[in-house]
Amino acid sequence: MPLANVNGANINYTVLGNRGPWVALSPGGRLGLEAVRSLAERVADAGYRVLIHDRRNCGASDVVIGGDDSEHAIGADDAYELLSQFNALPAYIGGRSSGCRLSLVLALRHPEAVRALLLWRITGGPYPAMRLAEKYYGEYVTAAKRGGMAAVCETEFFRERIKERPANRDRLMAMDPRRFIETMSHWSKYFSDDADKPVIGASETELRSIRIPACIVPGNDRIHTRRVGENLSRLMPDSELHILMTTDHDVDMGPNEEWIDKQGELAALFVDFLDRVRSRTSSAGVSTATG
């Protein structure tokens, strides 16, 4: 299991492919890199080098509960640093749901580092903001108030983080529960504050400022509504919209099997987009060195 020290955290990562321009893909939720491996393999097979990693607090990476920024902004800074360690910038950056938030924040903070964006199953609006704030933070605040850090370690999510990286238990147990609650509550506030923005993580003004080519594939459930993805495509000046799922589900999370079945089609769509962006930038005299 390769690990890189990134901004003080040990980050588990994998690189797929050994030639071509760099692409970085991030999964949704708090899922680990395996959730995006199939898509990454298809993109790598098309002639790209694809970096996937477990964000901090996900998969087999370190649990680090702390930081003044939002968790997706911290993830964006980590992704930037990890790509820098591979001398992989600028790169094509993409992600699903929370990975989409990371990608947008990275493009806003480091526009010179992003060749294009691949964004799918985008989140935005009051309902997703409320539900995700509870899912990512609220239930763990409740656990810490009930039984301190021992109770946090016994939640299903943190049990998995400890199983994948045993040192995470010592790290969690060393935390003052009050500090844990304070940090999780702080991160949760970013979601409530963004409830009325077009997407969680970026304002309308910020989205309109992103002049980077973007390929947008909306979701099809209550957390990732088609409307949010369609609106994002209207706000970003150099974007194209692709509707992959024609059936919308009136549930928080639509059947993941549908998206698994569409992995080949999604990969083909992204590869076609990447190839066209490369051709466009090459014609304009912009270097596409594979470094």
C-alpha atoms as a PDB file:
ATOM      1  CA  MET A   1       0.000   0.000   0.000  1.00  0.00           C
ATOM      2  CA  PRO A   2       1.838   3.150  -1.134  1.00  0.00           C
ATOM      3  CA  LEU A   3       1.560   6.136   1.192  1.00  0.00           C
ATOM      4  CA  ALA A   4       2.519   9.760   0.654  1.00  0.00           C
ATOM      5  CA  ASN A   5       2.909  12.319   3.415  1.00  0.00           C
ATOM      6  CA  VAL A   6       0.662  15.164   2.323  1.00  0.00           C
ATOM      7  CA  ASN A   7       0.302  18.265   4.477  1.00  0.00           C
ATOM      8  CA  GLY A   8       1.033  16.178   7.566  1.00  0.00           C
ATOM      9  CA  ALA A   9      -1.280  13.259   6.756  1.00  0.00           C
ATOM     10  CA  ASN A  10      -0.377   9.830   5.372  1.00  0.00           C
ATOM     11  CA  ILE A  11      -2.422   9.439   2.189  1.00  0.00           C
ATOM     12  CA  ASN A  12      -3.039   6.089   0.489  1.00  0.00           C
ATOM     13  CA  TYR A  13      -2.881   6.366  -3.306  1.00  0.00           C
ATOM     14  CA  THR A  14      -2.624   4.424  -6.561  1.00  0.00           C
ATOM     15  CA  VAL A  15      -1.442   5.459 -10.022  1.00  0.00           C
ATOM     16  CA  LEU A  16      -2.973   3.669 -13.004  1.00  0.00           C
ATOM     17  CA  GLY A  17      -1.272   3.840 -16.394  1.00  0.00           C
ATOM     18  CA  ASN A  18       2.323   4.754 -17.179  1.00  0.00           C
ATOM     19  CA  ARG A  19       1.996   7.230 -20.023  1.00  0.00           C
ATOM     20  CA  GLY A  20      -0.016  10.215 -21.158  1.00  0.00           C
ATOM     21  CA  PRO A  21      -1.349  13.320 -19.406  1.00  0.00           C
ATOM     22  CA  TRP A  22      -2.250  13.146 -15.740  1.00  0.00           C
ATOM     23  CA  VAL A  23      -5.828  12.789 -14.512  1.00  0.00           C
ATOM     24  CA  ALA A  24      -6.941  12.775 -10.857  1.00  0.00           C
ATOM     25  CA  LEU A  25     -10.326  11.289  -9.943  1.00  0.00           C
ATOM     26  CA  SER A  26     -12.019  11.422  -6.527  1.00  0.00           C
ATOM     27  CA  PRO A  27     -14.942   9.284  -5.332  1.00  0.00           C
ATOM     28  CA  GLY A  28     -18.063  10.555  -3.611  1.00  0.00           C
ATOM     29  CA  GLY A  29     -19.111  10.536   0.021  1.00  0.00           C
ATOM     30  CA  ARG A  30     -16.390   9.290   2.316  1.00  0.00           C
ATOM     31  CA  LEU A  31     -15.671   6.368   0.028  1.00  0.00           C
ATOM     32  CA  GLY A  32     -12.157   5.176  -0.622  1.00  0.00           C
ATOM     33  CA  LEU A  33     -10.289   4.980  -3.906  1.00  0.00           C
ATOM     34  CA  GLU A  34     -11.732   1.566  -4.784  1.00  0.00           C
ATOM     35  CA  ALA A  35     -15.050   3.282  -5.514  1.00  0.00           C
ATOM     36  CA  VAL A  36     -13.511   5.049  -8.499  1.00  0.00           C
ATOM     37  CA  ARG A  37     -10.940   2.440  -9.570  1.00  0.00           C
ATOM     38  CA  SER A  38     -13.059   0.908 -12.362  1.00  0.00           C
ATOM     39  CA  LEU A  39     -13.609   4.283 -14.006  1.00  0.00           C
ATOM     40  CA  ALA A  40      -9.941   5.205 -13.520  1.00  0.00           C
ATOM     41  CA  GLU A  41      -8.794   1.965 -15.156  1.00  0.00           C
ATOM     42  CA  ARG A  42     -10.885   2.690 -18.236  1.00  0.00           C
ATOM     43  CA  VAL A  43      -9.484   6.206 -18.515  1.00  0.00           C
ATOM     44  CA  ALA A  44      -5.941   4.878 -18.048  1.00  0.00           C
ATOM     45  CA  ASP A  45      -6.517   2.291 -20.790  1.00  0.00           C
ATOM     46  CA  ALA A  46      -7.295   5.197 -23.140  1.00  0.00           C
ATOM     47  CA  GLY A  47      -3.795   6.639 -22.732  1.00  0.00           C
ATOM     48  CA  TYR A  48      -3.872   8.670 -19.507  1.00  0.00           C
ATOM     49  CA  ARG A  49      -2.092   8.341 -16.169  1.00  0.00           C
ATOM     50  CA  VAL A  50      -4.715   8.403 -13.445  1.00  0.00           C
ATOM     51  CA  LEU A  51      -4.083   9.185  -9.787  1.00  0.00           C
ATOM     52  CA  ILE A  52      -6.690   8.021  -7.280  1.00  0.00           C
ATOM     53  CA  HIS A  53      -6.339   8.353  -3.526  1.00  0.00           C
ATOM     54  CA  ASP A  54      -8.095   7.982  -0.206  1.00  0.00           C
ATOM     55  CA  ARG A  55      -8.705  11.481   1.083  1.00  0.00           C
ATOM     56  CA  ARG A  56      -7.757  12.055   4.712  1.00  0.00           C
ATOM     57  CA  ASN A  57     -10.502  10.603   6.940  1.00  0.00           C
ATOM     58  CA  CYS A  58     -11.343   8.100   4.192  1.00  0.00           C
ATOM     59  CA  GLY A  59     -10.181   4.610   3.225  1.00  0.00           C
ATOM     60  CA  ALA A  60      -6.719   3.644   4.483  1.00  0.00           C
ATOM     61  CA  SER A  61      -5.442   7.209   4.920  1.00  0.00           C
ATOM     62  CA  ASP A  62      -4.909   8.969   8.239  1.00  0.00           C
ATOM     63  CA  VAL A  63      -7.841  10.252  10.231  1.00  0.00           C
ATOM     64  CA  VAL A  64      -7.085  13.902  10.973  1.00  0.00           C
ATOM     65  CA  ILE A  65      -9.929  15.794  12.633  1.00  0.00           C
ATOM     66  CA  GLY A  66      -8.812  19.398  12.482  1.00  0.00           C
ATOM     67  CA  GLY A  67      -8.448  22.410  10.236  1.00  0.00           C
ATOM     68  CA  ASP A  68     -10.012  25.818   9.829  1.00  0.00           C
ATOM     69  CA  ASP A  69     -11.185  25.286   6.231  1.00  0.00           C
ATOM     70  CA  SER A  70     -14.070  23.132   5.048  1.00  0.00           C
ATOM     71  CA  GLU A  71     -13.239  19.472   4.670  1.00  0.00           C
ATOM     72  CA  HIS A  72     -13.588  19.709   0.880  1.00  0.00           C
ATOM     73  CA  ALA A  73     -11.150  22.639   0.820  1.00  0.00           C
ATOM     74  CA  ILE A  74      -8.671  20.669   2.913  1.00  0.00           C
ATOM     75  CA  GLY A  75      -9.114  17.793   0.468  1.00  0.00           C
ATOM     76  CA  ALA A  76      -8.454  20.129  -2.460  1.00  0.00           C
ATOM     77  CA  ASP A  77      -5.212  21.352  -0.879  1.00  0.00           C
ATOM     78  CA  ASP A  78      -4.168  17.748  -0.268  1.00  0.00           C
ATOM     79  CA  ALA A  79      -4.918  16.761  -3.868  1.00  0.00           C
ATOM     80  CA  TYR A  80      -2.890  19.706  -5.137  1.00  0.00           C
ATOM     81  CA  GLU A  81       0.072  18.771  -2.950  1.00  0.00           C
ATOM     82  CA  LEU A  82      -0.126  15.072  -3.866  1.00  0.00           C
ATOM     83  CA  LEU A  83      -0.178  15.883  -7.588  1.00  0.00           C
ATOM     84  CA  SER A  84       2.730  18.272  -7.051  1.00  0.00           C
ATOM     85  CA  GLN A  85       4.767  15.450  -5.526  1.00  0.00           C
ATOM     86  CA  PHE A  86       4.332  13.522  -8.794  1.00  0.00           C
ATOM     87  CA  ASN A  87       5.189  16.603 -10.863  1.00  0.00           C
ATOM     88  CA  ALA A  88       1.759  15.985 -12.397  1.00  0.00           C
ATOM     89  CA  LEU A  89       0.433  19.553 -12.626  1.00  0.00           C
ATOM     90  CA  PRO A  90      -1.381  20.858 -14.491  1.00  0.00           C
ATOM     91  CA  ALA A  91      -3.751  17.892 -14.595  1.00  0.00           C
ATOM     92  CA  TYR A  92      -7.290  16.977 -15.531  1.00  0.00           C
ATOM     93  CA  ILE A  93      -9.287  16.934 -12.278  1.00  0.00           C
ATOM     94  CA  GLY A  94     -12.559  15.155 -11.639  1.00  0.00           C
ATOM     95  CA  GLY A  95     -14.845  13.780  -9.003  1.00  0.00           C
ATOM     96  CA  ARG A  96     -18.274  12.594  -7.997  1.00  0.00           C
ATOM     97  CA  SER A  97     -20.349  14.331  -5.293  1.00  0.00           C
ATOM     98  CA  SER A  98     -17.818  15.192  -2.545  1.00  0.00           C
ATOM     99  CA  GLY A  99     -15.101  14.607  -5.153  1.00  0.00           C
ATOM    100  CA  CYS A 100     -16.869  17.187  -7.307  1.00  0.00           C
ATOM    101  CA  ARG A 101     -16.704  19.699  -4.456  1.00  0.00           C
ATOM    102  CA  LEU A 102     -12.997  19.007  -4.083  1.00  0.00           C
ATOM    103  CA  SER A 103     -12.472  19.484  -7.827  1.00  0.00           C
ATOM    104  CA  LEU A 104     -14.311  22.811  -7.943  1.00  0.00           C
ATOM    105  CA  VAL A 105     -12.436  24.184  -4.928  1.00  0.00           C
ATOM    106  CA  LEU A 106      -9.123  23.076  -6.470  1.00  0.00           C
ATOM    107  CA  ALA A 107     -10.032  24.893  -9.697  1.00  0.00           C
ATOM    108  CA  LEU A 108     -10.920  28.029  -7.745  1.00  0.00           C
ATOM    109  CA  ARG A 109      -7.770  28.004  -5.618  1.00  0.00           C
ATOM    110  CA  HIS A 110      -5.345  26.845  -8.298  1.00  0.00           C
ATOM    111  CA  PRO A 111      -6.798  27.527 -11.757  1.00  0.00           C
ATOM    112  CA  GLU A 112      -3.356  27.254 -13.331  1.00  0.00           C
ATOM    113  CA  ALA A 113      -3.134  23.647 -12.084  1.00  0.00           C
ATOM    114  CA  VAL A 114      -6.312  22.391 -13.776  1.00  0.00           C
ATOM    115  CA  ARG A 115      -6.515  21.583 -17.495  1.00  0.00           C
ATOM    116  CA  ALA A 116     -10.200  20.579 -17.378  1.00  0.00           C
ATOM    117  CA  LEU A 117     -12.872  19.327 -14.986  1.00  0.00           C
ATOM    118  CA  LEU A 118     -14.857  16.076 -14.970  1.00  0.00           C
ATOM    119  CA  LEU A 119     -17.857  16.542 -12.660  1.00  0.00           C
ATOM    120  CA  TRP A 120     -20.578  13.993 -12.009  1.00  0.00           C
ATOM    121  CA  ARG A 121     -23.398  13.493  -9.510  1.00  0.00           C
ATOM    122  CA  ILE A 122     -23.195  17.095  -8.278  1.00  0.00           C
ATOM    123  CA  THR A 123     -24.715  18.170  -4.942  1.00  0.00           C
ATOM    124  CA  GLY A 124     -26.486  21.416  -4.188  1.00  0.00           C
ATOM    125  CA  GLY A 125     -29.528  22.855  -2.452  1.00  0.00           C
ATOM    126  CA  PRO A 126     -31.020  22.907   1.071  1.00  0.00           C
ATOM    127  CA  TYR A 127     -32.052  19.269   1.285  1.00  0.00           C
ATOM    128  CA  PRO A 128     -28.670  17.729   0.348  1.00  0.00           C
ATOM    129  CA  ALA A 129     -26.883  20.267   2.559  1.00  0.00           C
ATOM    130  CA  MET A 130     -28.999  19.261   5.569  1.00  0.00           C
ATOM    131  CA  ARG A 131     -28.763  15.518   4.942  1.00  0.00           C
ATOM    132  CA  LEU A 132     -25.031  15.493   4.242  1.00  0.00           C
ATOM    133  CA  ALA A 133     -24.220  17.660   7.258  1.00  0.00           C
ATOM    134  CA  GLU A 134     -25.890  15.069   9.470  1.00  0.00           C
ATOM    135  CA  LYS A 135     -24.355  12.104   7.648  1.00  0.00           C
ATOM    136  CA  TYR A 136     -20.791  13.445   7.648  1.00  0.00           C
ATOM    137  CA  TYR A 137     -20.750  15.213  11.001  1.00  0.00           C
ATOM    138  CA  GLY A 138     -23.944  15.288  13.062  1.00  0.00           C
ATOM    139  CA  GLU A 139     -24.098  11.610  13.960  1.00  0.00           C
ATOM    140  CA  TYR A 140     -20.478  11.638  15.156  1.00  0.00           C
ATOM    141  CA  VAL A 141     -21.052  14.743  17.273  1.00  0.00           C
ATOM    142  CA  THR A 142     -23.929  12.838  18.874  1.00  0.00           C
ATOM    143  CA  ALA A 143     -21.685   9.832  19.507  1.00  0.00           C
ATOM    144  CA  ALA A 144     -18.952  11.979  21.076  1.00  0.00           C
ATOM    145  CA  LYS A 145     -21.447  13.720  23.359  1.00  0.00           C
ATOM    146  CA  ARG A 146     -22.871  10.352  24.389  1.00  0.00           C
ATOM    147  CA  GLY A 147     -19.702   8.398  25.050  1.00  0.00           C
ATOM    148  CA  GLY A 148     -16.599  10.389  24.169  1.00  0.00           C
ATOM    149  CA  MET A 149     -14.001   9.217  21.698  1.00  0.00           C
ATOM    150  CA  ALA A 150     -14.535   5.549  22.563  1.00  0.00           C
ATOM    151  CA  ALA A 151     -18.093   5.865  21.252  1.00  0.00           C
ATOM    152  CA  VAL A 152     -16.815   7.592  18.095  1.00  0.00           C
ATOM    153  CA  CYS A 153     -14.407   4.708  17.480  1.00  0.00           C
ATOM    154  CA  GLU A 154     -17.320   2.283  17.742  1.00  0.00           C
ATOM    155  CA  THR A 155     -19.374   3.914  14.996  1.00  0.00           C
ATOM    156  CA  GLU A 156     -19.462   1.895  11.792  1.00  0.00           C
ATOM    157  CA  PHE A 157     -17.533   4.470   9.777  1.00  0.00           C
ATOM    158  CA  PHE A 158     -14.663   4.959  12.216  1.00  0.00           C
ATOM    159  CA  ARG A 159     -14.467   1.212  12.934  1.00  0.00           C
ATOM    160  CA  GLU A 160     -13.692   0.820   9.229  1.00  0.00           C
ATOM    161  CA  ARG A 161     -11.053   3.566   9.334  1.00  0.00           C
ATOM    162  CA  ILE A 162      -9.393   1.792  12.255  1.00  0.00           C
ATOM    163  CA  LYS A 163      -9.612  -1.590  10.520  1.00  0.00           C
ATOM    164  CA  GLU A 164      -7.932  -0.216   7.384  1.00  0.00           C
ATOM    165  CA  ARG A 165      -5.348   1.796   9.337  1.00  0.00           C
ATOM    166  CA  PRO A 166      -5.040   0.653  12.973  1.00  0.00           C
ATOM    167  CA  ALA A 167      -3.032   3.730  14.003  1.00  0.00           C
ATOM    168  CA  ASN A 168      -6.216   5.744  13.518  1.00  0.00           C
ATOM    169  CA  ARG A 169      -7.584   4.407  16.806  1.00  0.00           C
ATOM    170  CA  ASP A 170      -4.732   5.893  18.842  1.00  0.00           C
ATOM    171  CA  ARG A 171      -5.090   9.143  16.940  1.00  0.00           C
ATOM    172  CA  LEU A 172      -8.805   9.339  17.689  1.00  0.00           C
ATOM    173  CA  MET A 173      -8.532   8.273  21.328  1.00  0.00           C
ATOM    174  CA  ALA A 174      -5.907  10.956  21.915  1.00  0.00           C
ATOM    175  CA  MET A 175      -8.375  13.677  20.925  1.00  0.00           C
ATOM    176  CA  ASP A 176     -10.239  15.765  23.459  1.00  0.00           C
ATOM    177  CA  PRO A 177     -13.940  15.025  22.723  1.00  0.00           C
ATOM    178  CA  ARG A 178     -14.681  18.729  23.023  1.00  0.00           C
ATOM    179  CA  ARG A 179     -12.162  19.495  20.275  1.00  0.00           C
ATOM    180  CA  PHE A 180     -13.626  16.730  18.120  1.00  0.00           C
ATOM    181  CA  ILE A 181     -17.139  18.115  18.555  1.00  0.00           C
ATOM    182  CA  GLU A 182     -15.936  21.632  17.842  1.00  0.00           C
ATOM    183  CA  THR A 183     -14.218  20.621  14.589  1.00  0.00           C
ATOM    184  CA  MET A 184     -17.080  18.458  13.322  1.00  0.00           C
ATOM    185  CA  SER A 185     -19.575  21.219  14.113  1.00  0.00           C
ATOM    186  CA  HIS A 186     -17.356  23.732  12.315  1.00  0.00           C
ATOM    187  CA  TRP A 187     -17.175  21.529   9.206  1.00  0.00           C
ATOM    188  CA  SER A 188     -20.929  20.965   9.343  1.00  0.00           C
ATOM    189  CA  LYS A 189     -21.551  24.713   9.254  1.00  0.00           C
ATOM    190  CA  TYR A 190     -19.998  24.939   5.788  1.00  0.00           C
ATOM    191  CA  PHE A 191     -22.863  22.797   4.509  1.00  0.00           C
ATOM    192  CA  SER A 192     -25.615  24.813   6.192  1.00  0.00           C
ATOM    193  CA  ASP A 193     -24.009  28.064   5.028  1.00  0.00           C
ATOM    194  CA  ASP A 194     -23.942  26.756   1.433  1.00  0.00           C
ATOM    195  CA  ALA A 195     -27.538  25.489   1.397  1.00  0.00           C
ATOM    196  CA  ASP A 196     -28.722  28.287  -0.886  1.00  0.00           C
ATOM    197  CA  LYS A 197     -25.736  28.257  -3.240  1.00  0.00           C
ATOM    198  CA  PRO A 198     -25.929  26.591  -6.674  1.00  0.00           C
ATOM    199  CA  VAL A 199     -23.632  23.803  -5.430  1.00  0.00           C
ATOM    200  CA  ILE A 200     -22.205  23.003  -2.029  1.00  0.00           C
ATOM    201  CA  GLY A 201     -18.748  24.502  -1.975  1.00  0.00           C
ATOM    202  CA  ALA A 202     -19.030  27.374  -4.464  1.00  0.00           C
ATOM    203  CA  SER A 203     -21.118  30.493  -5.046  1.00  0.00           C
ATOM    204  CA  GLU A 204     -22.635  31.581  -8.348  1.00  0.00           C
ATOM    205  CA  THR A 205     -19.961  34.271  -8.728  1.00  0.00           C
ATOM    206  CA  GLU A 206     -17.198  31.748  -8.111  1.00  0.00           C
ATOM    207  CA  LEU A 207     -18.640  29.264 -10.602  1.00  0.00           C
ATOM    208  CA  ARG A 208     -18.971  31.927 -13.294  1.00  0.00           C
ATOM    209  CA  SER A 209     -15.301  32.793 -12.751  1.00  0.00           C
ATOM    210  CA  ILE A 210     -14.087  29.280 -13.671  1.00  0.00           C
ATOM    211  CA  ARG A 211     -12.944  29.507 -17.306  1.00  0.00           C
ATOM    212  CA  ILE A 212     -11.678  25.924 -17.391  1.00  0.00           C
ATOM    213  CA  PRO A 213     -13.366  23.397 -19.738  1.00  0.00           C
ATOM    214  CA  ALA A 214     -15.800  21.237 -17.775  1.00  0.00           C
ATOM    215  CA  CYS A 215     -17.749  18.078 -18.564  1.00  0.00           C
ATOM    216  CA  ILE A 216     -20.849  17.861 -16.354  1.00  0.00           C
ATOM    217  CA  VAL A 217     -22.931  14.713 -15.770  1.00  0.00           C
ATOM    218  CA  PRO A 218     -25.839  15.313 -13.354  1.00  0.00           C
ATOM    219  CA  GLY A 219     -27.089  12.757 -10.867  1.00  0.00           C
ATOM    220  CA  ASN A 220     -30.591  11.360 -10.613  1.00  0.00           C
ATOM    221  CA  ASP A 221     -31.676  11.307  -6.952  1.00  0.00           C
ATOM    222  CA  ARG A 222     -32.571  13.711  -4.152  1.00  0.00           C
ATOM    223  CA  ILE A 223     -28.975  14.288  -3.028  1.00  0.00           C
ATOM    224  CA  HIS A 224     -27.663  14.668  -6.596  1.00  0.00           C
ATOM    225  CA  THR A 225     -30.521  16.180  -8.570  1.00  0.00           C
ATOM    226  CA  ARG A 226     -30.483  16.658 -12.309  1.00  0.00           C
ATOM    227  CA  ARG A 227     -31.573  20.273 -11.820  1.00  0.00           C
ATOM    228  CA  VAL A 228     -28.388  21.126  -9.883  1.00  0.00           C
ATOM    229  CA  GLY A 229     -26.158  19.662 -12.591  1.00  0.00           C
ATOM    230  CA  GLU A 230     -28.073  21.409 -15.353  1.00  0.00           C
ATOM    231  CA  ASN A 231     -27.840  24.727 -13.527  1.00  0.00           C
ATOM    232  CA  LEU A 232     -24.104  24.242 -12.979  1.00  0.00           C
ATOM    233  CA  SER A 233     -23.629  23.823 -16.724  1.00  0.00           C
ATOM    234  CA  ARG A 234     -25.400  27.135 -17.315  1.00  0.00           C
ATOM    235  CA  LEU A 235     -23.194  28.951 -14.818  1.00  0.00           C
ATOM    236  CA  MET A 236     -19.795  27.655 -15.916  1.00  0.00           C
ATOM    237  CA  PRO A 237     -18.812  29.466 -19.122  1.00  0.00           C
ATOM    238  CA  ASP A 238     -16.852  26.662 -20.805  1.00  0.00           C
ATOM    239  CA  SER A 239     -18.895  23.600 -19.920  1.00  0.00           C
ATOM    240  CA  GLU A 240     -20.858  20.896 -21.670  1.00  0.00           C
ATOM    241  CA  LEU A 241     -23.764  18.932 -20.217  1.00  0.00           C
ATOM    242  CA  HIS A 242     -24.374  15.209 -20.653  1.00  0.00           C
ATOM    243  CA  ILE A 243     -27.440  13.423 -19.280  1.00  0.00           C
ATOM    244  CA  LEU A 244     -26.371   9.863 -18.599  1.00  0.00           C
ATOM    245  CA  MET A 245     -29.316   8.790 -16.434  1.00  0.00           C
ATOM    246  CA  THR A 246     -32.779   9.364 -17.864  1.00  0.00           C
ATOM    247  CA  THR A 247     -34.698   8.062 -14.814  1.00  0.00           C
ATOM    248  CA  ASP A 248     -34.856  10.170 -11.660  1.00  0.00           C
ATOM    249  CA  HIS A 249     -35.337   8.510  -8.266  1.00  0.00           C
ATOM    250  CA  ASP A 250     -37.287  10.099  -5.403  1.00  0.00           C
ATOM    251  CA  VAL A 251     -34.848   8.731  -2.814  1.00  0.00           C
ATOM    252  CA  ASP A 252     -31.730  10.174  -1.201  1.00  0.00           C
ATOM    253  CA  MET A 253     -29.406   7.860  -3.117  1.00  0.00           C
ATOM    254  CA  GLY A 254     -30.417   6.127  -6.336  1.00  0.00           C
ATOM    255  CA  PRO A 255     -29.328   2.532  -6.980  1.00  0.00           C
ATOM    256  CA  ASN A 256     -25.557   2.456  -7.238  1.00  0.00           C
ATOM    257  CA  GLU A 257     -25.875  -0.527  -9.576  1.00  0.00           C
ATOM    258  CA  GLU A 258     -27.208   1.812 -12.256  1.00  0.00           C
ATOM    259  CA  TRP A 259     -24.004   3.844 -12.150  1.00  0.00           C
ATOM    260  CA  ILE A 260     -21.851   0.724 -12.107  1.00  0.00           C
ATOM    261  CA  ASP A 261     -23.641  -0.478 -15.227  1.00  0.00           C
ATOM    262  CA  LYS A 262     -22.885   2.882 -16.854  1.00  0.00           C
ATOM    263  CA  GLN A 263     -19.161   2.940 -16.008  1.00  0.00           C
ATOM    264  CA  GLY A 264     -18.107   2.099 -19.548  1.00  0.00           C
ATOM    265  CA  GLU A 265     -20.366   4.761 -21.035  1.00  0.00           C
ATOM    266  CA  LEU A 266     -19.229   7.357 -18.492  1.00  0.00           C
ATOM    267  CA  ALA A 267     -15.581   6.551 -19.153  1.00  0.00           C
ATOM    268  CA  ALA A 268     -16.075   6.806 -22.927  1.00  0.00           C
ATOM    269  CA  LEU A 269     -17.784  10.180 -22.475  1.00  0.00           C
ATOM    270  CA  PHE A 270     -14.940  11.493 -20.309  1.00  0.00           C
ATOM    271  CA  VAL A 271     -12.213  10.159 -22.605  1.00  0.00           C
ATOM    272  CA  ASP A 272     -13.861  11.765 -25.634  1.00  0.00           C
ATOM    273  CA  PHE A 273     -14.065  15.056 -23.741  1.00  0.00           C
ATOM    274  CA  LEU A 274     -10.435  14.851 -22.609  1.00  0.00           C
ATOM    275  CA  ASP A 275      -9.249  14.035 -26.111  1.00  0.00           C
ATOM    276  CA  ARG A 276     -11.145  17.007 -27.520  1.00  0.00           C
ATOM    277  CA  VAL A 277      -9.764  19.359 -24.855  1.00  0.00           C
ATOM    278  CA  ARG A 278      -6.241  18.129 -25.612  1.00  0.00           C
ATOM    279  CA  SER A 279      -6.791  18.688 -29.323  1.00  0.00           C
ATOM    280  CA  ARG A 280      -8.200  22.142 -28.718  1.00  0.00           C
ATOM    281  CA  THR A 281      -5.362  23.254 -26.460  1.00  0.00           C
ATOM    282  CA  SER A 282      -2.780  21.770 -28.822  1.00  0.00           C
ATOM    283  CA  SER A 283      -4.274  23.693 -31.742  1.00  0.00           C
ATOM    284  CA  ALA A 284      -4.148  26.854 -29.644  1.00  0.00           C
ATOM    285  CA  GLY A 285      -0.458  26.317 -29.001  1.00  0.00           C
ATOM    286  CA  VAL A 286      -0.827  25.274 -25.344  1.00  0.00           C
ATOM    287  CA  SER A 287       1.648  22.638 -24.178  1.00  0.00           C
ATOM    288  CA  THR A 288       0.184  19.219 -23.382  1.00  0.00           C
ATOM    289  CA  ALA A 289       3.453  17.676 -22.222  1.00  0.00           C
ATOM    290  CA  THR A 290       3.003  14.402 -20.407  1.00  0.00           C
ATOM    291  CA  GLY A 291       5.769  15.086 -17.828  1.00  0.00           C
END
